[in-house]
Amino acid sequence: MSNEVNDMMLNDSKDLLDNVETTQISEECKKLKNIEDEIERTEESLKNLKTMADDIGSRVIPELLAEQGLSGINLKDGSSVTVKREYRCTVPKEEDRKQIAHKWLRDQGLGDIIKNNVFVTFGKGEDNKAQQLLDLAASNGFQPQQKSEVAWNTLTALFQERVESGLDMPSDVFSTWIKDKTKITRK
């Protein structure tokens, strides 16, 4: 913090802080700002390191091992290095795309992995009505809300199974990725 800012803080706060040591407050504010700046730099550095590690672990090492016809190696320090293929598939968050994904699953005979949740909203003092079945709630004029979802891990398992069996899983309907993952087991 510049001396000019420090002076402004002192001048602005004289009336309010007659009995407080403003120099100490100013120093602590400087300290906080410096720490916050360091946190921001460290988080950015960590993000960059994670990106570099992901590139080396999911592209560089798998490519080098594949070029040598290897699926893994043992290092001099006793660590073992293996590459495992990872799969991920999720339903898009946008409601229209979500409906298209659910339709595709149902059309493929895979609708049983879709969880279908039905909600009914009750007002205050209607706890007794909350115990009634959904049909009864609808017949009494309540507006039930329906939500369908597929757990990402269930969909990922289905995606992996289909890919490994040579079946299609449309990437324009689902958010999908396949990548190799290097695992180093340390001794």
N, C-alpha and C. Protein backbone atom coordinates (compact mmCIF):
# COMPACT_ATOMS: atom_id res chain seq x y z
N MET A 1 0.86 -1.16 0.00
CA MET A 1 0.00 0.00 0.00
C MET A 1 0.91 1.22 0.00
N SER A 2 0.63 2.15 -0.87
CA SER A 2 1.49 3.32 -0.96
C SER A 2 1.28 4.25 0.24
N ASN A 3 2.25 5.14 0.44
CA ASN A 3 2.13 6.11 1.54
C ASN A 3 0.93 7.01 1.32
N GLU A 4 0.62 7.28 0.06
CA GLU A 4 -0.52 8.14 -0.25
C GLU A 4 -1.82 7.48 0.24
N VAL A 5 -1.96 6.18 -0.03
CA VAL A 5 -3.15 5.45 0.42
C VAL A 5 -3.16 5.41 1.94
N ASN A 6 -2.00 5.15 2.51
CA ASN A 6 -1.89 5.12 3.97
C ASN A 6 -2.33 6.46 4.58
N ASP A 7 -1.85 7.56 4.00
CA ASP A 7 -2.23 8.89 4.49
C ASP A 7 -3.73 9.12 4.35
N MET A 8 -4.29 8.68 3.21
CA MET A 8 -5.74 8.84 3.00
C MET A 8 -6.52 8.06 4.06
N MET A 9 -6.06 6.83 4.34
CA MET A 9 -6.73 6.03 5.38
C MET A 9 -6.66 6.75 6.73
N LEU A 10 -5.50 7.28 7.02
CA LEU A 10 -5.32 7.98 8.29
C LEU A 10 -6.23 9.20 8.37
N ASN A 11 -6.27 10.01 7.31
CA ASN A 11 -7.10 11.21 7.29
C ASN A 11 -8.58 10.87 7.37
N ASP A 12 -9.01 9.85 6.60
CA ASP A 12 -10.43 9.47 6.58
C ASP A 12 -10.89 8.91 7.92
N SER A 13 -9.99 8.31 8.63
CA SER A 13 -10.41 7.61 9.84
C SER A 13 -10.13 8.37 11.14
N LYS A 14 -9.52 9.53 11.08
CA LYS A 14 -9.16 10.26 12.30
C LYS A 14 -10.36 10.55 13.17
N ASP A 15 -11.46 10.98 12.54
CA ASP A 15 -12.64 11.31 13.33
C ASP A 15 -13.24 10.08 14.01
N LEU A 16 -13.20 8.96 13.32
CA LEU A 16 -13.83 7.74 13.83
C LEU A 16 -12.94 6.97 14.78
N LEU A 17 -11.65 7.09 14.62
CA LEU A 17 -10.73 6.23 15.34
C LEU A 17 -9.75 7.03 16.21
N ASP A 18 -10.25 8.00 16.93
CA ASP A 18 -9.35 8.82 17.74
C ASP A 18 -8.54 7.99 18.73
N ASN A 19 -9.12 6.94 19.26
CA ASN A 19 -8.44 6.16 20.29
C ASN A 19 -7.77 4.90 19.75
N VAL A 20 -7.69 4.74 18.43
CA VAL A 20 -7.13 3.52 17.85
C VAL A 20 -5.84 3.87 17.11
N GLU A 21 -4.88 3.02 17.21
CA GLU A 21 -3.61 3.21 16.51
C GLU A 21 -3.82 2.82 15.03
N THR A 22 -4.02 3.82 14.16
CA THR A 22 -4.32 3.56 12.75
C THR A 22 -3.12 3.03 11.99
N THR A 23 -1.93 3.33 12.45
CA THR A 23 -0.74 2.81 11.77
C THR A 23 -0.72 1.29 11.86
N GLN A 24 -1.09 0.75 12.99
CA GLN A 24 -1.12 -0.69 13.16
C GLN A 24 -2.20 -1.31 12.26
N ILE A 25 -3.36 -0.66 12.18
CA ILE A 25 -4.42 -1.14 11.30
C ILE A 25 -3.94 -1.14 9.86
N SER A 26 -3.31 -0.05 9.45
CA SER A 26 -2.79 0.05 8.10
C SER A 26 -1.78 -1.06 7.82
N GLU A 27 -0.90 -1.33 8.78
CA GLU A 27 0.11 -2.38 8.61
C GLU A 27 -0.54 -3.75 8.48
N GLU A 28 -1.56 -4.00 9.29
CA GLU A 28 -2.25 -5.29 9.22
C GLU A 28 -3.02 -5.43 7.90
N CYS A 29 -3.57 -4.33 7.40
CA CYS A 29 -4.25 -4.36 6.10
C CYS A 29 -3.26 -4.68 4.99
N LYS A 30 -2.07 -4.07 5.05
CA LYS A 30 -1.02 -4.37 4.07
C LYS A 30 -0.66 -5.85 4.13
N LYS A 31 -0.50 -6.35 5.36
CA LYS A 31 -0.14 -7.75 5.56
C LYS A 31 -1.21 -8.67 4.94
N LEU A 32 -2.48 -8.36 5.22
CA LEU A 32 -3.58 -9.16 4.67
C LEU A 32 -3.58 -9.14 3.15
N LYS A 33 -3.41 -7.94 2.58
CA LYS A 33 -3.39 -7.82 1.12
C LYS A 33 -2.25 -8.64 0.53
N ASN A 34 -1.07 -8.59 1.14
CA ASN A 34 0.07 -9.37 0.65
C ASN A 34 -0.19 -10.87 0.74
N ILE A 35 -0.79 -11.30 1.83
CA ILE A 35 -1.11 -12.73 1.99
C ILE A 35 -2.14 -13.15 0.95
N GLU A 36 -3.18 -12.34 0.75
CA GLU A 36 -4.20 -12.68 -0.26
C GLU A 36 -3.59 -12.75 -1.65
N ASP A 37 -2.67 -11.82 -1.97
CA ASP A 37 -1.99 -11.85 -3.26
C ASP A 37 -1.16 -13.12 -3.41
N GLU A 38 -0.46 -13.52 -2.34
CA GLU A 38 0.35 -14.73 -2.36
C GLU A 38 -0.53 -15.97 -2.54
N ILE A 39 -1.67 -16.00 -1.89
CA ILE A 39 -2.62 -17.12 -2.06
C ILE A 39 -3.05 -17.22 -3.51
N GLU A 40 -3.39 -16.09 -4.11
CA GLU A 40 -3.82 -16.07 -5.51
C GLU A 40 -2.72 -16.59 -6.43
N ARG A 41 -1.47 -16.14 -6.21
CA ARG A 41 -0.34 -16.61 -7.02
C ARG A 41 -0.12 -18.11 -6.82
N THR A 42 -0.21 -18.58 -5.58
CA THR A 42 0.00 -19.99 -5.28
C THR A 42 -1.09 -20.85 -5.92
N GLU A 43 -2.34 -20.39 -5.85
CA GLU A 43 -3.44 -21.15 -6.47
C GLU A 43 -3.25 -21.23 -7.97
N GLU A 44 -2.82 -20.14 -8.60
CA GLU A 44 -2.57 -20.15 -10.04
C GLU A 44 -1.43 -21.10 -10.38
N SER A 45 -0.38 -21.06 -9.57
CA SER A 45 0.76 -21.96 -9.77
C SER A 45 0.33 -23.41 -9.61
N LEU A 46 -0.48 -23.70 -8.61
CA LEU A 46 -0.98 -25.07 -8.40
C LEU A 46 -1.83 -25.52 -9.58
N LYS A 47 -2.66 -24.64 -10.08
CA LYS A 47 -3.49 -24.96 -11.25
C LYS A 47 -2.61 -25.31 -12.44
N ASN A 48 -1.56 -24.53 -12.67
CA ASN A 48 -0.64 -24.81 -13.78
C ASN A 48 0.09 -26.14 -13.58
N LEU A 49 0.52 -26.42 -12.36
CA LEU A 49 1.19 -27.69 -12.07
C LEU A 49 0.26 -28.88 -12.31
N LYS A 50 -0.99 -28.75 -11.92
CA LYS A 50 -1.96 -29.82 -12.14
C LYS A 50 -2.19 -30.04 -13.64
N THR A 51 -2.25 -28.97 -14.40
CA THR A 51 -2.42 -29.09 -15.85
C THR A 51 -1.23 -29.80 -16.47
N MET A 52 -0.02 -29.42 -16.04
CA MET A 52 1.19 -30.07 -16.56
C MET A 52 1.22 -31.54 -16.18
N ALA A 53 0.89 -31.87 -14.94
CA ALA A 53 0.89 -33.26 -14.48
C ALA A 53 -0.14 -34.07 -15.26
N ASP A 54 -1.32 -33.49 -15.50
CA ASP A 54 -2.35 -34.19 -16.26
C ASP A 54 -1.87 -34.48 -17.69
N ASP A 55 -1.21 -33.51 -18.32
CA ASP A 55 -0.70 -33.71 -19.68
C ASP A 55 0.36 -34.82 -19.72
N ILE A 56 1.28 -34.78 -18.78
CA ILE A 56 2.33 -35.81 -18.75
C ILE A 56 1.73 -37.18 -18.45
N GLY A 57 0.79 -37.23 -17.50
CA GLY A 57 0.21 -38.49 -17.09
C GLY A 57 -0.82 -39.07 -18.04
N SER A 58 -1.51 -38.22 -18.80
CA SER A 58 -2.56 -38.73 -19.69
C SER A 58 -2.17 -38.72 -21.17
N ARG A 59 -1.07 -38.06 -21.52
CA ARG A 59 -0.67 -38.03 -22.92
C ARG A 59 0.78 -38.48 -23.11
N VAL A 60 1.72 -37.79 -22.48
CA VAL A 60 3.14 -38.01 -22.74
C VAL A 60 3.58 -39.43 -22.38
N ILE A 61 3.39 -39.84 -21.12
CA ILE A 61 3.83 -41.17 -20.69
C ILE A 61 3.08 -42.28 -21.44
N PRO A 62 1.74 -42.21 -21.57
CA PRO A 62 1.07 -43.26 -22.34
C PRO A 62 1.57 -43.37 -23.78
N GLU A 63 1.85 -42.24 -24.43
CA GLU A 63 2.38 -42.28 -25.80
C GLU A 63 3.77 -42.91 -25.83
N LEU A 64 4.63 -42.54 -24.89
CA LEU A 64 5.98 -43.12 -24.86
C LEU A 64 5.94 -44.62 -24.60
N LEU A 65 5.10 -45.05 -23.67
CA LEU A 65 4.97 -46.49 -23.40
C LEU A 65 4.41 -47.22 -24.62
N ALA A 66 3.40 -46.65 -25.27
CA ALA A 66 2.79 -47.27 -26.45
C ALA A 66 3.81 -47.39 -27.58
N GLU A 67 4.65 -46.38 -27.77
CA GLU A 67 5.69 -46.43 -28.81
C GLU A 67 6.65 -47.59 -28.58
N GLN A 68 6.85 -47.97 -27.32
CA GLN A 68 7.75 -49.07 -26.98
C GLN A 68 7.01 -50.39 -26.85
N GLY A 69 5.69 -50.37 -27.06
CA GLY A 69 4.89 -51.58 -26.93
C GLY A 69 4.72 -52.04 -25.49
N LEU A 70 4.80 -51.11 -24.55
CA LEU A 70 4.70 -51.44 -23.13
C LEU A 70 3.39 -50.92 -22.55
N SER A 71 2.90 -51.64 -21.55
CA SER A 71 1.72 -51.15 -20.83
C SER A 71 2.11 -50.60 -19.46
N GLY A 72 3.37 -50.83 -19.05
CA GLY A 72 3.87 -50.32 -17.79
C GLY A 72 5.35 -50.63 -17.65
N ILE A 73 5.98 -50.02 -16.66
CA ILE A 73 7.40 -50.28 -16.40
C ILE A 73 7.64 -50.19 -14.89
N ASN A 74 8.79 -50.75 -14.47
CA ASN A 74 9.25 -50.60 -13.09
C ASN A 74 10.46 -49.67 -13.11
N LEU A 75 10.47 -48.72 -12.18
CA LEU A 75 11.56 -47.76 -12.11
C LEU A 75 12.65 -48.26 -11.15
N LYS A 76 13.84 -47.68 -11.26
CA LYS A 76 14.97 -48.08 -10.43
C LYS A 76 14.67 -47.96 -8.94
N ASP A 77 13.86 -46.97 -8.56
CA ASP A 77 13.57 -46.78 -7.13
C ASP A 77 12.52 -47.77 -6.61
N GLY A 78 12.07 -48.69 -7.48
CA GLY A 78 11.10 -49.69 -7.07
C GLY A 78 9.66 -49.32 -7.38
N SER A 79 9.43 -48.10 -7.82
CA SER A 79 8.07 -47.66 -8.19
C SER A 79 7.65 -48.37 -9.47
N SER A 80 6.37 -48.64 -9.59
CA SER A 80 5.86 -49.21 -10.83
C SER A 80 4.96 -48.18 -11.51
N VAL A 81 5.02 -48.16 -12.82
CA VAL A 81 4.25 -47.21 -13.62
C VAL A 81 3.31 -48.01 -14.52
N THR A 82 2.02 -47.74 -14.43
CA THR A 82 1.03 -48.40 -15.29
C THR A 82 0.13 -47.34 -15.90
N VAL A 83 -0.47 -47.67 -17.02
CA VAL A 83 -1.41 -46.77 -17.68
C VAL A 83 -2.75 -47.49 -17.76
N LYS A 84 -3.76 -46.81 -17.31
CA LYS A 84 -5.11 -47.36 -17.30
C LYS A 84 -6.01 -46.40 -18.07
N ARG A 85 -6.87 -46.92 -18.87
CA ARG A 85 -7.81 -46.08 -19.61
C ARG A 85 -8.97 -45.70 -18.70
N GLU A 86 -9.30 -44.42 -18.65
CA GLU A 86 -10.42 -43.91 -17.87
C GLU A 86 -11.52 -43.44 -18.79
N TYR A 87 -12.75 -43.66 -18.37
CA TYR A 87 -13.92 -43.26 -19.13
C TYR A 87 -14.74 -42.30 -18.27
N ARG A 88 -15.43 -41.37 -18.92
CA ARG A 88 -16.35 -40.49 -18.21
C ARG A 88 -17.48 -40.13 -19.17
N CYS A 89 -18.69 -40.20 -18.66
CA CYS A 89 -19.86 -39.83 -19.45
C CYS A 89 -20.87 -39.21 -18.50
N THR A 90 -21.38 -38.05 -18.85
CA THR A 90 -22.39 -37.38 -18.03
C THR A 90 -23.51 -36.86 -18.92
N VAL A 91 -24.64 -36.64 -18.31
CA VAL A 91 -25.78 -36.04 -19.00
C VAL A 91 -25.59 -34.53 -18.93
N PRO A 92 -25.77 -33.82 -20.04
CA PRO A 92 -25.63 -32.35 -20.02
C PRO A 92 -26.60 -31.72 -19.01
N LYS A 93 -26.23 -30.57 -18.47
CA LYS A 93 -27.05 -29.89 -17.48
C LYS A 93 -28.25 -29.15 -18.09
N GLU A 94 -28.10 -28.70 -19.33
CA GLU A 94 -29.18 -27.95 -19.97
C GLU A 94 -30.40 -28.88 -20.12
N GLU A 95 -31.57 -28.39 -19.72
CA GLU A 95 -32.77 -29.22 -19.67
C GLU A 95 -33.13 -29.84 -21.02
N ASP A 96 -33.04 -29.07 -22.11
CA ASP A 96 -33.39 -29.63 -23.41
C ASP A 96 -32.42 -30.73 -23.83
N ARG A 97 -31.13 -30.55 -23.58
CA ARG A 97 -30.14 -31.58 -23.91
C ARG A 97 -30.29 -32.80 -22.99
N LYS A 98 -30.68 -32.53 -21.73
CA LYS A 98 -30.90 -33.63 -20.79
C LYS A 98 -32.05 -34.51 -21.28
N GLN A 99 -33.13 -33.89 -21.77
CA GLN A 99 -34.28 -34.65 -22.27
C GLN A 99 -33.88 -35.48 -23.50
N ILE A 100 -33.04 -34.92 -24.37
CA ILE A 100 -32.56 -35.67 -25.54
C ILE A 100 -31.74 -36.88 -25.10
N ALA A 101 -30.88 -36.69 -24.10
CA ALA A 101 -30.07 -37.79 -23.59
C ALA A 101 -30.95 -38.89 -22.98
N HIS A 102 -31.93 -38.48 -22.19
CA HIS A 102 -32.84 -39.47 -21.59
C HIS A 102 -33.63 -40.21 -22.67
N LYS A 103 -34.07 -39.50 -23.69
CA LYS A 103 -34.80 -40.14 -24.79
C LYS A 103 -33.91 -41.16 -25.48
N TRP A 104 -32.65 -40.80 -25.73
CA TRP A 104 -31.72 -41.72 -26.39
C TRP A 104 -31.57 -43.00 -25.55
N LEU A 105 -31.39 -42.83 -24.23
CA LEU A 105 -31.26 -44.00 -23.36
C LEU A 105 -32.51 -44.87 -23.42
N ARG A 106 -33.66 -44.25 -23.35
CA ARG A 106 -34.92 -45.02 -23.41
C ARG A 106 -35.07 -45.72 -24.77
N ASP A 107 -34.73 -45.01 -25.85
CA ASP A 107 -34.82 -45.61 -27.19
C ASP A 107 -33.88 -46.80 -27.35
N GLN A 108 -32.79 -46.81 -26.61
CA GLN A 108 -31.82 -47.91 -26.68
C GLN A 108 -32.17 -49.04 -25.71
N GLY A 109 -33.30 -48.91 -25.00
CA GLY A 109 -33.69 -49.89 -24.00
C GLY A 109 -32.89 -49.79 -22.72
N LEU A 110 -32.31 -48.62 -22.47
CA LEU A 110 -31.46 -48.41 -21.30
C LEU A 110 -32.09 -47.46 -20.28
N GLY A 111 -33.38 -47.25 -20.38
CA GLY A 111 -34.08 -46.31 -19.51
C GLY A 111 -34.08 -46.70 -18.05
N ASP A 112 -33.76 -47.97 -17.75
CA ASP A 112 -33.77 -48.39 -16.35
C ASP A 112 -32.66 -47.76 -15.52
N ILE A 113 -31.68 -47.10 -16.14
CA ILE A 113 -30.64 -46.42 -15.35
C ILE A 113 -31.04 -44.98 -15.01
N ILE A 114 -32.16 -44.53 -15.53
CA ILE A 114 -32.64 -43.17 -15.23
C ILE A 114 -33.42 -43.21 -13.92
N LYS A 115 -32.99 -42.40 -12.97
CA LYS A 115 -33.74 -42.26 -11.72
C LYS A 115 -34.85 -41.24 -11.96
N ASN A 116 -36.04 -41.59 -11.55
CA ASN A 116 -37.19 -40.73 -11.76
C ASN A 116 -37.70 -40.29 -10.39
N ASN A 117 -37.48 -39.04 -10.03
CA ASN A 117 -37.89 -38.51 -8.73
C ASN A 117 -39.13 -37.65 -8.91
N VAL A 118 -40.10 -37.83 -8.03
CA VAL A 118 -41.31 -37.02 -8.05
C VAL A 118 -41.38 -36.26 -6.73
N PHE A 119 -41.58 -34.95 -6.80
CA PHE A 119 -41.65 -34.10 -5.63
C PHE A 119 -43.01 -33.42 -5.55
N VAL A 120 -43.51 -33.26 -4.34
CA VAL A 120 -44.73 -32.50 -4.12
C VAL A 120 -44.40 -31.46 -3.05
N THR A 121 -44.75 -30.21 -3.30
CA THR A 121 -44.48 -29.14 -2.35
C THR A 121 -45.75 -28.86 -1.55
N PHE A 122 -45.62 -28.89 -0.22
CA PHE A 122 -46.73 -28.62 0.67
C PHE A 122 -46.46 -27.32 1.41
N GLY A 123 -47.52 -26.62 1.76
CA GLY A 123 -47.39 -25.39 2.52
C GLY A 123 -47.27 -25.66 4.00
N LYS A 124 -47.18 -24.59 4.78
CA LYS A 124 -47.09 -24.71 6.24
C LYS A 124 -48.33 -25.42 6.79
N GLY A 125 -48.11 -26.25 7.78
CA GLY A 125 -49.22 -26.92 8.44
C GLY A 125 -49.84 -28.06 7.66
N GLU A 126 -49.20 -28.46 6.56
CA GLU A 126 -49.75 -29.54 5.74
C GLU A 126 -48.92 -30.82 5.85
N ASP A 127 -48.32 -31.03 7.01
CA ASP A 127 -47.49 -32.21 7.21
C ASP A 127 -48.29 -33.50 7.03
N ASN A 128 -49.55 -33.50 7.45
CA ASN A 128 -50.36 -34.71 7.31
C ASN A 128 -50.59 -35.05 5.83
N LYS A 129 -50.76 -34.04 5.00
CA LYS A 129 -50.95 -34.29 3.57
C LYS A 129 -49.66 -34.80 2.92
N ALA A 130 -48.51 -34.40 3.46
CA ALA A 130 -47.23 -34.84 2.90
C ALA A 130 -47.07 -36.35 2.99
N GLN A 131 -47.81 -36.98 3.89
CA GLN A 131 -47.73 -38.42 4.07
C GLN A 131 -48.56 -39.18 3.03
N GLN A 132 -49.43 -38.51 2.34
CA GLN A 132 -50.29 -39.16 1.35
C GLN A 132 -49.50 -39.53 0.11
N LEU A 133 -50.00 -40.46 -0.63
CA LEU A 133 -49.36 -40.89 -1.87
C LEU A 133 -49.41 -39.78 -2.94
N LEU A 134 -48.54 -39.86 -3.93
CA LEU A 134 -48.47 -38.87 -4.99
C LEU A 134 -49.80 -38.76 -5.74
N ASP A 135 -50.46 -39.85 -5.98
CA ASP A 135 -51.75 -39.81 -6.69
C ASP A 135 -52.78 -39.00 -5.92
N LEU A 136 -52.80 -39.20 -4.61
CA LEU A 136 -53.74 -38.47 -3.78
C LEU A 136 -53.41 -36.98 -3.80
N ALA A 137 -52.12 -36.65 -3.75
CA ALA A 137 -51.71 -35.24 -3.80
C ALA A 137 -52.16 -34.60 -5.10
N ALA A 138 -51.97 -35.28 -6.22
CA ALA A 138 -52.37 -34.74 -7.53
C ALA A 138 -53.88 -34.56 -7.60
N SER A 139 -54.62 -35.52 -7.06
CA SER A 139 -56.09 -35.41 -7.11
C SER A 139 -56.62 -34.30 -6.20
N ASN A 140 -55.81 -33.86 -5.24
CA ASN A 140 -56.21 -32.76 -4.36
C ASN A 140 -55.74 -31.41 -4.88
N GLY A 141 -55.23 -31.35 -6.11
CA GLY A 141 -54.87 -30.08 -6.73
C GLY A 141 -53.44 -29.64 -6.55
N PHE A 142 -52.61 -30.47 -5.96
CA PHE A 142 -51.19 -30.12 -5.84
C PHE A 142 -50.51 -30.30 -7.19
N GLN A 143 -49.45 -29.54 -7.43
CA GLN A 143 -48.70 -29.64 -8.67
C GLN A 143 -47.39 -30.39 -8.41
N PRO A 144 -47.38 -31.69 -8.61
CA PRO A 144 -46.12 -32.42 -8.38
C PRO A 144 -45.06 -32.03 -9.40
N GLN A 145 -43.83 -32.03 -8.96
CA GLN A 145 -42.70 -31.76 -9.85
C GLN A 145 -41.97 -33.06 -10.08
N GLN A 146 -41.55 -33.29 -11.31
CA GLN A 146 -40.86 -34.52 -11.65
C GLN A 146 -39.45 -34.19 -12.09
N LYS A 147 -38.51 -34.99 -11.63
CA LYS A 147 -37.11 -34.79 -12.01
C LYS A 147 -36.51 -36.15 -12.33
N SER A 148 -35.96 -36.26 -13.52
CA SER A 148 -35.29 -37.50 -13.92
C SER A 148 -33.80 -37.24 -13.99
N GLU A 149 -33.02 -38.22 -13.54
CA GLU A 149 -31.57 -38.05 -13.59
C GLU A 149 -30.91 -39.41 -13.70
N VAL A 150 -29.68 -39.38 -14.20
CA VAL A 150 -28.86 -40.57 -14.30
C VAL A 150 -27.58 -40.28 -13.53
N ALA A 151 -27.23 -41.16 -12.60
CA ALA A 151 -26.01 -40.99 -11.84
C ALA A 151 -24.81 -41.07 -12.78
N TRP A 152 -23.84 -40.15 -12.63
CA TRP A 152 -22.70 -40.10 -13.55
C TRP A 152 -21.91 -41.40 -13.53
N ASN A 153 -21.78 -42.04 -12.37
CA ASN A 153 -20.98 -43.26 -12.32
C ASN A 153 -21.69 -44.42 -13.01
N THR A 154 -23.02 -44.47 -12.95
CA THR A 154 -23.78 -45.49 -13.67
C THR A 154 -23.66 -45.27 -15.17
N LEU A 155 -23.79 -44.01 -15.59
CA LEU A 155 -23.70 -43.69 -17.01
C LEU A 155 -22.28 -43.94 -17.52
N THR A 156 -21.28 -43.63 -16.70
CA THR A 156 -19.89 -43.88 -17.09
C THR A 156 -19.65 -45.38 -17.27
N ALA A 157 -20.19 -46.20 -16.37
CA ALA A 157 -20.03 -47.66 -16.50
C ALA A 157 -20.70 -48.16 -17.78
N LEU A 158 -21.88 -47.63 -18.08
CA LEU A 158 -22.57 -48.00 -19.32
C LEU A 158 -21.75 -47.57 -20.53
N PHE A 159 -21.22 -46.35 -20.50
CA PHE A 159 -20.40 -45.83 -21.59
C PHE A 159 -19.18 -46.72 -21.83
N GLN A 160 -18.48 -47.07 -20.76
CA GLN A 160 -17.29 -47.92 -20.88
C GLN A 160 -17.67 -49.27 -21.48
N GLU A 161 -18.75 -49.85 -20.98
CA GLU A 161 -19.21 -51.15 -21.48
C GLU A 161 -19.54 -51.08 -22.97
N ARG A 162 -20.23 -50.03 -23.38
CA ARG A 162 -20.61 -49.90 -24.79
C ARG A 162 -19.39 -49.67 -25.68
N VAL A 163 -18.47 -48.81 -25.25
CA VAL A 163 -17.27 -48.54 -26.04
C VAL A 163 -16.45 -49.81 -26.19
N GLU A 164 -16.26 -50.53 -25.09
CA GLU A 164 -15.47 -51.75 -25.14
C GLU A 164 -16.14 -52.86 -25.95
N SER A 165 -17.47 -52.76 -26.11
CA SER A 165 -18.21 -53.74 -26.93
C SER A 165 -18.37 -53.27 -28.37
N GLY A 166 -17.83 -52.09 -28.69
CA GLY A 166 -17.92 -51.56 -30.05
C GLY A 166 -19.25 -50.91 -30.36
N LEU A 167 -20.03 -50.55 -29.32
CA LEU A 167 -21.34 -49.91 -29.53
C LEU A 167 -21.21 -48.40 -29.41
N ASP A 168 -22.18 -47.71 -30.01
CA ASP A 168 -22.17 -46.25 -30.07
C ASP A 168 -22.69 -45.63 -28.78
N MET A 169 -22.15 -44.49 -28.43
CA MET A 169 -22.66 -43.62 -27.36
C MET A 169 -22.45 -42.21 -27.89
N PRO A 170 -23.49 -41.55 -28.38
CA PRO A 170 -23.33 -40.29 -29.11
C PRO A 170 -22.75 -39.15 -28.26
N SER A 171 -21.60 -38.65 -28.69
CA SER A 171 -20.95 -37.56 -27.95
C SER A 171 -21.65 -36.22 -28.18
N ASP A 172 -22.53 -36.15 -29.16
CA ASP A 172 -23.30 -34.91 -29.34
C ASP A 172 -24.50 -34.88 -28.39
N VAL A 173 -24.82 -36.02 -27.78
CA VAL A 173 -25.93 -36.10 -26.84
C VAL A 173 -25.42 -36.09 -25.40
N PHE A 174 -24.30 -36.77 -25.14
CA PHE A 174 -23.72 -36.87 -23.82
C PHE A 174 -22.38 -36.16 -23.78
N SER A 175 -21.97 -35.76 -22.60
CA SER A 175 -20.62 -35.23 -22.41
C SER A 175 -19.74 -36.43 -22.10
N THR A 176 -18.85 -36.76 -23.04
CA THR A 176 -18.04 -37.97 -22.89
C THR A 176 -16.57 -37.65 -23.05
N TRP A 177 -15.71 -38.46 -22.42
CA TRP A 177 -14.29 -38.42 -22.69
C TRP A 177 -13.67 -39.74 -22.28
N ILE A 178 -12.62 -40.04 -22.99
CA ILE A 178 -11.80 -41.22 -22.69
C ILE A 178 -10.37 -40.72 -22.66
N LYS A 179 -9.64 -41.07 -21.61
CA LYS A 179 -8.25 -40.69 -21.58
C LYS A 179 -7.46 -41.73 -20.81
N ASP A 180 -6.20 -41.80 -21.14
CA ASP A 180 -5.31 -42.70 -20.42
C ASP A 180 -4.86 -42.00 -19.15
N LYS A 181 -4.66 -42.78 -18.11
CA LYS A 181 -4.25 -42.23 -16.82
C LYS A 181 -3.05 -43.03 -16.33
N THR A 182 -1.94 -42.35 -16.11
CA THR A 182 -0.73 -42.98 -15.61
C THR A 182 -0.79 -43.05 -14.10
N LYS A 183 -0.47 -44.22 -13.57
CA LYS A 183 -0.45 -44.39 -12.12
C LYS A 183 0.95 -44.84 -11.71
N ILE A 184 1.54 -44.11 -10.80
CA ILE A 184 2.86 -44.48 -10.27
C ILE A 184 2.63 -44.97 -8.85
N THR A 185 2.97 -46.25 -8.63
CA THR A 185 2.86 -46.84 -7.29
C THR A 185 4.23 -46.76 -6.65
N ARG A 186 4.33 -45.98 -5.60
CA ARG A 186 5.61 -45.76 -4.95
C ARG A 186 5.90 -46.85 -3.93
N LYS A 187 7.18 -47.17 -3.79
CA LYS A 187 7.62 -48.17 -2.81
C LYS A 187 7.77 -47.54 -1.46
